[in-house]
Amino acid sequence: MQRRAEIEIQSKLAANDRTLEETKIQMRSLKDMNDLMNEQLDKTLHYQQSKIDETRKRTDELNVKLYDYATKKDMRMLEERLNTCLLYTSPSPRDLSTSRMPSSACKKKKK
């Protein structure tokens, strides 16, 4: 009877040892998979960050170009307005032969 109990205990210990080894193998496998997933995640994050950086750089470049274009357009409009003669005075009732507008006040538009 005692011998039978010893055999049964040894059998259970062996089964537990096999289960423990299988669990260790599964744990190593899960750790390896986790490491691979973390590596892939790092690569993906690095790639995404590089794309974000490229997009920011391109956006900044386009903003500078847009600002330059808008500034040049505003300057052209300002020049057109400055070159347009807005001053007009009617002839003096006292002297109908002359105008009070100086000749330098009105510049002709350049084409």
N, C-alpha and C. Protein backbone atom coordinates (compact mmCIF):
# COMPACT_ATOMS: atom_id res chain seq x y z
N MET A 1 0.82 -1.19 0.00
CA MET A 1 0.00 0.00 0.00
C MET A 1 0.87 1.26 0.00
N GLN A 2 1.91 1.26 0.81
CA GLN A 2 2.81 2.41 0.87
C GLN A 2 3.56 2.56 -0.45
N ARG A 3 3.95 1.44 -1.00
CA ARG A 3 4.65 1.48 -2.29
C ARG A 3 3.77 2.09 -3.36
N ARG A 4 2.52 1.72 -3.35
CA ARG A 4 1.56 2.24 -4.32
C ARG A 4 1.39 3.75 -4.15
N ALA A 5 1.36 4.25 -2.92
CA ALA A 5 1.22 5.68 -2.64
C ALA A 5 2.46 6.42 -3.12
N GLU A 6 3.65 5.80 -2.95
CA GLU A 6 4.90 6.43 -3.42
C GLU A 6 4.90 6.53 -4.95
N ILE A 7 4.46 5.49 -5.60
CA ILE A 7 4.41 5.49 -7.07
C ILE A 7 3.42 6.56 -7.55
N GLU A 8 2.30 6.65 -6.88
CA GLU A 8 1.31 7.64 -7.25
C GLU A 8 1.84 9.06 -7.05
N ILE A 9 2.55 9.29 -5.94
CA ILE A 9 3.14 10.60 -5.67
C ILE A 9 4.21 10.92 -6.71
N GLN A 10 5.07 9.95 -7.03
CA GLN A 10 6.11 10.16 -8.05
C GLN A 10 5.47 10.45 -9.41
N SER A 11 4.40 9.78 -9.70
CA SER A 11 3.70 10.01 -10.97
C SER A 11 3.13 11.43 -11.02
N LYS A 12 2.55 11.88 -9.91
CA LYS A 12 2.01 13.24 -9.85
C LYS A 12 3.14 14.28 -9.93
N LEU A 13 4.26 14.00 -9.27
CA LEU A 13 5.42 14.91 -9.33
C LEU A 13 5.95 15.00 -10.76
N ALA A 14 6.03 13.87 -11.43
CA ALA A 14 6.50 13.86 -12.82
C ALA A 14 5.54 14.67 -13.71
N ALA A 15 4.26 14.48 -13.48
CA ALA A 15 3.25 15.22 -14.26
C ALA A 15 3.38 16.72 -13.98
N ASN A 16 3.59 17.05 -12.71
CA ASN A 16 3.78 18.46 -12.36
C ASN A 16 5.04 19.03 -13.00
N ASP A 17 6.11 18.23 -13.03
CA ASP A 17 7.37 18.68 -13.66
C ASP A 17 7.16 18.91 -15.15
N ARG A 18 6.42 18.01 -15.81
CA ARG A 18 6.13 18.18 -17.24
C ARG A 18 5.30 19.44 -17.47
N THR A 19 4.31 19.64 -16.63
CA THR A 19 3.46 20.83 -16.73
C THR A 19 4.28 22.09 -16.52
N LEU A 20 5.20 22.03 -15.53
CA LEU A 20 6.07 23.18 -15.26
C LEU A 20 6.96 23.47 -16.46
N GLU A 21 7.54 22.47 -17.08
CA GLU A 21 8.39 22.65 -18.25
C GLU A 21 7.59 23.20 -19.43
N GLU A 22 6.40 22.67 -19.63
CA GLU A 22 5.54 23.17 -20.71
C GLU A 22 5.18 24.64 -20.47
N THR A 23 4.91 24.96 -19.21
CA THR A 23 4.58 26.34 -18.86
C THR A 23 5.77 27.26 -19.11
N LYS A 24 6.99 26.79 -18.75
CA LYS A 24 8.20 27.58 -19.00
C LYS A 24 8.40 27.81 -20.50
N ILE A 25 8.16 26.79 -21.29
CA ILE A 25 8.31 26.91 -22.75
C ILE A 25 7.29 27.91 -23.29
N GLN A 26 6.06 27.82 -22.80
CA GLN A 26 5.03 28.76 -23.23
C GLN A 26 5.38 30.19 -22.82
N MET A 27 5.91 30.33 -21.61
CA MET A 27 6.30 31.66 -21.13
C MET A 27 7.42 32.24 -22.00
N ARG A 28 8.42 31.41 -22.35
CA ARG A 28 9.50 31.88 -23.23
C ARG A 28 8.94 32.27 -24.60
N SER A 29 8.02 31.45 -25.10
CA SER A 29 7.41 31.74 -26.39
C SER A 29 6.62 33.05 -26.34
N LEU A 30 5.85 33.24 -25.26
CA LEU A 30 5.11 34.49 -25.10
C LEU A 30 6.05 35.68 -24.96
N LYS A 31 7.15 35.50 -24.22
CA LYS A 31 8.13 36.58 -24.06
C LYS A 31 8.75 36.93 -25.42
N ASP A 32 9.10 35.91 -26.21
CA ASP A 32 9.66 36.16 -27.54
C ASP A 32 8.66 36.90 -28.42
N MET A 33 7.39 36.47 -28.37
CA MET A 33 6.36 37.15 -29.16
C MET A 33 6.19 38.59 -28.69
N ASN A 34 6.22 38.79 -27.38
CA ASN A 34 6.10 40.14 -26.82
C ASN A 34 7.27 41.02 -27.28
N ASP A 35 8.47 40.46 -27.25
CA ASP A 35 9.65 41.22 -27.71
C ASP A 35 9.53 41.59 -29.18
N LEU A 36 9.07 40.65 -30.00
CA LEU A 36 8.89 40.94 -31.43
C LEU A 36 7.83 42.01 -31.65
N MET A 37 6.74 41.92 -30.89
CA MET A 37 5.68 42.91 -31.03
C MET A 37 6.17 44.29 -30.58
N ASN A 38 6.93 44.34 -29.50
CA ASN A 38 7.48 45.62 -29.05
C ASN A 38 8.46 46.21 -30.06
N GLU A 39 9.25 45.34 -30.66
CA GLU A 39 10.19 45.79 -31.69
C GLU A 39 9.43 46.35 -32.90
N GLN A 40 8.40 45.64 -33.32
CA GLN A 40 7.59 46.11 -34.45
C GLN A 40 6.88 47.41 -34.10
N LEU A 41 6.38 47.51 -32.89
CA LEU A 41 5.72 48.73 -32.43
C LEU A 41 6.69 49.90 -32.44
N ASP A 42 7.91 49.66 -31.96
CA ASP A 42 8.93 50.72 -31.98
C ASP A 42 9.24 51.18 -33.40
N LYS A 43 9.35 50.23 -34.31
CA LYS A 43 9.60 50.57 -35.71
C LYS A 43 8.45 51.39 -36.28
N THR A 44 7.22 50.94 -35.99
CA THR A 44 6.04 51.65 -36.49
C THR A 44 5.97 53.06 -35.92
N LEU A 45 6.21 53.19 -34.62
CA LEU A 45 6.19 54.51 -33.99
C LEU A 45 7.28 55.42 -34.57
N HIS A 46 8.46 54.86 -34.79
CA HIS A 46 9.54 55.64 -35.38
C HIS A 46 9.16 56.10 -36.80
N TYR A 47 8.59 55.19 -37.58
CA TYR A 47 8.17 55.53 -38.94
C TYR A 47 7.10 56.62 -38.91
N GLN A 48 6.10 56.46 -38.04
CA GLN A 48 5.03 57.45 -37.95
C GLN A 48 5.58 58.81 -37.51
N GLN A 49 6.51 58.80 -36.56
CA GLN A 49 7.09 60.06 -36.10
C GLN A 49 7.88 60.74 -37.22
N SER A 50 8.59 59.94 -38.03
CA SER A 50 9.32 60.53 -39.15
C SER A 50 8.35 61.13 -40.17
N LYS A 51 7.21 60.48 -40.40
CA LYS A 51 6.20 61.03 -41.32
C LYS A 51 5.60 62.31 -40.76
N ILE A 52 5.35 62.34 -39.45
CA ILE A 52 4.84 63.55 -38.82
C ILE A 52 5.86 64.68 -38.96
N ASP A 53 7.13 64.38 -38.73
CA ASP A 53 8.18 65.40 -38.86
C ASP A 53 8.27 65.92 -40.29
N GLU A 54 8.19 65.00 -41.26
CA GLU A 54 8.22 65.41 -42.67
C GLU A 54 7.03 66.30 -43.00
N THR A 55 5.86 65.93 -42.50
CA THR A 55 4.65 66.71 -42.76
C THR A 55 4.76 68.10 -42.14
N ARG A 56 5.27 68.17 -40.91
CA ARG A 56 5.45 69.47 -40.26
C ARG A 56 6.43 70.34 -41.04
N LYS A 57 7.53 69.72 -41.48
CA LYS A 57 8.53 70.48 -42.24
C LYS A 57 7.93 71.01 -43.55
N ARG A 58 7.19 70.14 -44.25
CA ARG A 58 6.57 70.55 -45.51
C ARG A 58 5.51 71.63 -45.27
N THR A 59 4.75 71.50 -44.19
CA THR A 59 3.74 72.51 -43.85
C THR A 59 4.41 73.84 -43.57
N ASP A 60 5.52 73.81 -42.83
CA ASP A 60 6.25 75.05 -42.54
C ASP A 60 6.76 75.69 -43.84
N GLU A 61 7.28 74.86 -44.75
CA GLU A 61 7.77 75.38 -46.03
C GLU A 61 6.62 76.02 -46.82
N LEU A 62 5.48 75.34 -46.85
CA LEU A 62 4.34 75.88 -47.58
C LEU A 62 3.81 77.16 -46.93
N ASN A 63 3.83 77.20 -45.60
CA ASN A 63 3.39 78.41 -44.91
C ASN A 63 4.30 79.59 -45.25
N VAL A 64 5.61 79.33 -45.34
CA VAL A 64 6.55 80.40 -45.71
C VAL A 64 6.26 80.86 -47.14
N LYS A 65 6.06 79.91 -48.04
CA LYS A 65 5.75 80.28 -49.42
C LYS A 65 4.44 81.05 -49.51
N LEU A 66 3.43 80.59 -48.77
CA LEU A 66 2.15 81.28 -48.76
C LEU A 66 2.30 82.69 -48.21
N TYR A 67 3.06 82.84 -47.13
CA TYR A 67 3.28 84.16 -46.55
C TYR A 67 4.02 85.06 -47.55
N ASP A 68 5.06 84.50 -48.19
CA ASP A 68 5.79 85.28 -49.20
C ASP A 68 4.87 85.70 -50.33
N TYR A 69 4.04 84.75 -50.81
CA TYR A 69 3.12 85.06 -51.90
C TYR A 69 2.13 86.14 -51.47
N ALA A 70 1.55 85.97 -50.27
CA ALA A 70 0.57 86.95 -49.78
C ALA A 70 1.23 88.30 -49.60
N THR A 71 2.45 88.30 -49.08
CA THR A 71 3.16 89.57 -48.88
C THR A 71 3.43 90.23 -50.22
N LYS A 72 3.89 89.48 -51.20
CA LYS A 72 4.16 90.04 -52.52
C LYS A 72 2.87 90.56 -53.16
N LYS A 73 1.80 89.78 -53.00
CA LYS A 73 0.52 90.21 -53.56
C LYS A 73 0.06 91.50 -52.88
N ASP A 74 0.17 91.55 -51.55
CA ASP A 74 -0.20 92.77 -50.83
C ASP A 74 0.66 93.95 -51.27
N MET A 75 1.94 93.71 -51.48
CA MET A 75 2.83 94.80 -51.92
C MET A 75 2.43 95.29 -53.31
N ARG A 76 2.08 94.35 -54.20
CA ARG A 76 1.64 94.76 -55.54
C ARG A 76 0.37 95.59 -55.46
N MET A 77 -0.56 95.15 -54.61
CA MET A 77 -1.81 95.91 -54.47
C MET A 77 -1.53 97.29 -53.88
N LEU A 78 -0.63 97.35 -52.92
CA LEU A 78 -0.27 98.63 -52.32
C LEU A 78 0.39 99.54 -53.34
N GLU A 79 1.29 98.98 -54.14
CA GLU A 79 1.95 99.78 -55.18
C GLU A 79 0.91 100.30 -56.18
N GLU A 80 -0.04 99.45 -56.55
CA GLU A 80 -1.07 99.89 -57.48
C GLU A 80 -1.89 101.03 -56.89
N ARG A 81 -2.20 100.91 -55.63
CA ARG A 81 -2.97 101.97 -54.98
C ARG A 81 -2.16 103.25 -54.85
N LEU A 82 -0.88 103.11 -54.55
CA LEU A 82 -0.05 104.30 -54.42
C LEU A 82 0.20 104.97 -55.76
N ASN A 83 0.22 104.18 -56.81
CA ASN A 83 0.45 104.73 -58.14
C ASN A 83 -0.81 105.30 -58.76
N THR A 84 -1.94 105.08 -58.14
CA THR A 84 -3.20 105.61 -58.64
C THR A 84 -3.42 107.00 -58.06
N CYS A 85 -3.81 107.89 -58.92
CA CYS A 85 -4.05 109.28 -58.48
C CYS A 85 -5.45 109.37 -57.88
N LEU A 86 -5.52 109.63 -56.59
CA LEU A 86 -6.81 109.76 -55.93
C LEU A 86 -7.16 111.22 -55.64
N LEU A 87 -6.22 112.10 -55.87
CA LEU A 87 -6.42 113.51 -55.53
C LEU A 87 -7.06 114.23 -56.71
N TYR A 88 -8.15 114.89 -56.42
CA TYR A 88 -8.80 115.69 -57.47
C TYR A 88 -9.33 116.95 -56.82
N THR A 89 -9.01 118.04 -57.44
CA THR A 89 -9.58 119.31 -56.98
C THR A 89 -10.18 120.02 -58.19
N SER A 90 -11.25 120.64 -57.95
CA SER A 90 -11.88 121.39 -59.04
C SER A 90 -11.11 122.70 -59.24
N PRO A 91 -11.21 123.25 -60.40
CA PRO A 91 -10.52 124.53 -60.63
C PRO A 91 -11.02 125.60 -59.66
N SER A 92 -10.12 126.42 -59.33
CA SER A 92 -10.46 127.51 -58.42
C SER A 92 -11.44 128.45 -59.10
N PRO A 93 -12.46 128.86 -58.38
CA PRO A 93 -13.40 129.80 -58.98
C PRO A 93 -12.71 131.13 -59.30
N ARG A 94 -11.63 131.42 -58.57
CA ARG A 94 -10.93 132.68 -58.82
C ARG A 94 -10.06 132.60 -60.06
N ASP A 95 -9.52 131.37 -60.29
CA ASP A 95 -8.62 131.25 -61.43
C ASP A 95 -8.96 129.97 -62.18
N LEU A 96 -9.72 130.05 -63.22
CA LEU A 96 -10.15 128.87 -63.95
C LEU A 96 -9.06 128.30 -64.84
N SER A 97 -7.95 128.98 -64.98
CA SER A 97 -6.91 128.49 -65.87
C SER A 97 -5.95 127.53 -65.17
N THR A 98 -5.98 127.45 -63.84
CA THR A 98 -5.04 126.55 -63.13
C THR A 98 -5.80 125.63 -62.19
N SER A 99 -5.21 124.55 -61.91
CA SER A 99 -5.76 123.60 -60.96
C SER A 99 -4.93 123.66 -59.69
N ARG A 100 -5.55 123.34 -58.57
CA ARG A 100 -4.79 123.33 -57.32
C ARG A 100 -4.05 122.02 -57.14
N MET A 101 -4.22 121.06 -58.00
CA MET A 101 -3.53 119.80 -57.87
C MET A 101 -2.13 119.93 -58.44
N PRO A 102 -1.11 119.64 -57.60
CA PRO A 102 0.25 119.71 -58.13
C PRO A 102 0.48 118.60 -59.14
N SER A 103 1.35 118.85 -60.07
CA SER A 103 1.59 117.86 -61.12
C SER A 103 2.25 116.60 -60.57
N SER A 104 2.95 116.71 -59.46
CA SER A 104 3.62 115.52 -58.90
C SER A 104 2.64 114.62 -58.14
N ALA A 105 1.41 115.08 -57.89
CA ALA A 105 0.45 114.29 -57.12
C ALA A 105 -0.14 113.16 -57.92
N CYS A 106 -0.10 113.27 -59.22
CA CYS A 106 -0.71 112.25 -60.05
C CYS A 106 0.35 111.60 -60.92
N LYS A 107 0.65 110.35 -60.63
CA LYS A 107 1.60 109.60 -61.45
C LYS A 107 0.82 108.67 -62.33
N LYS A 108 1.24 108.51 -63.53
CA LYS A 108 0.56 107.60 -64.44
C LYS A 108 0.97 106.17 -64.09
N LYS A 109 0.02 105.26 -64.27
CA LYS A 109 0.28 103.84 -64.00
C LYS A 109 1.31 103.31 -64.96
N LYS A 110 2.20 102.48 -64.39
CA LYS A 110 3.16 101.80 -65.25
C LYS A 110 2.56 100.48 -65.68
N LYS A 111 2.74 100.13 -66.90
CA LYS A 111 2.18 98.86 -67.40
C LYS A 111 3.28 97.88 -67.69
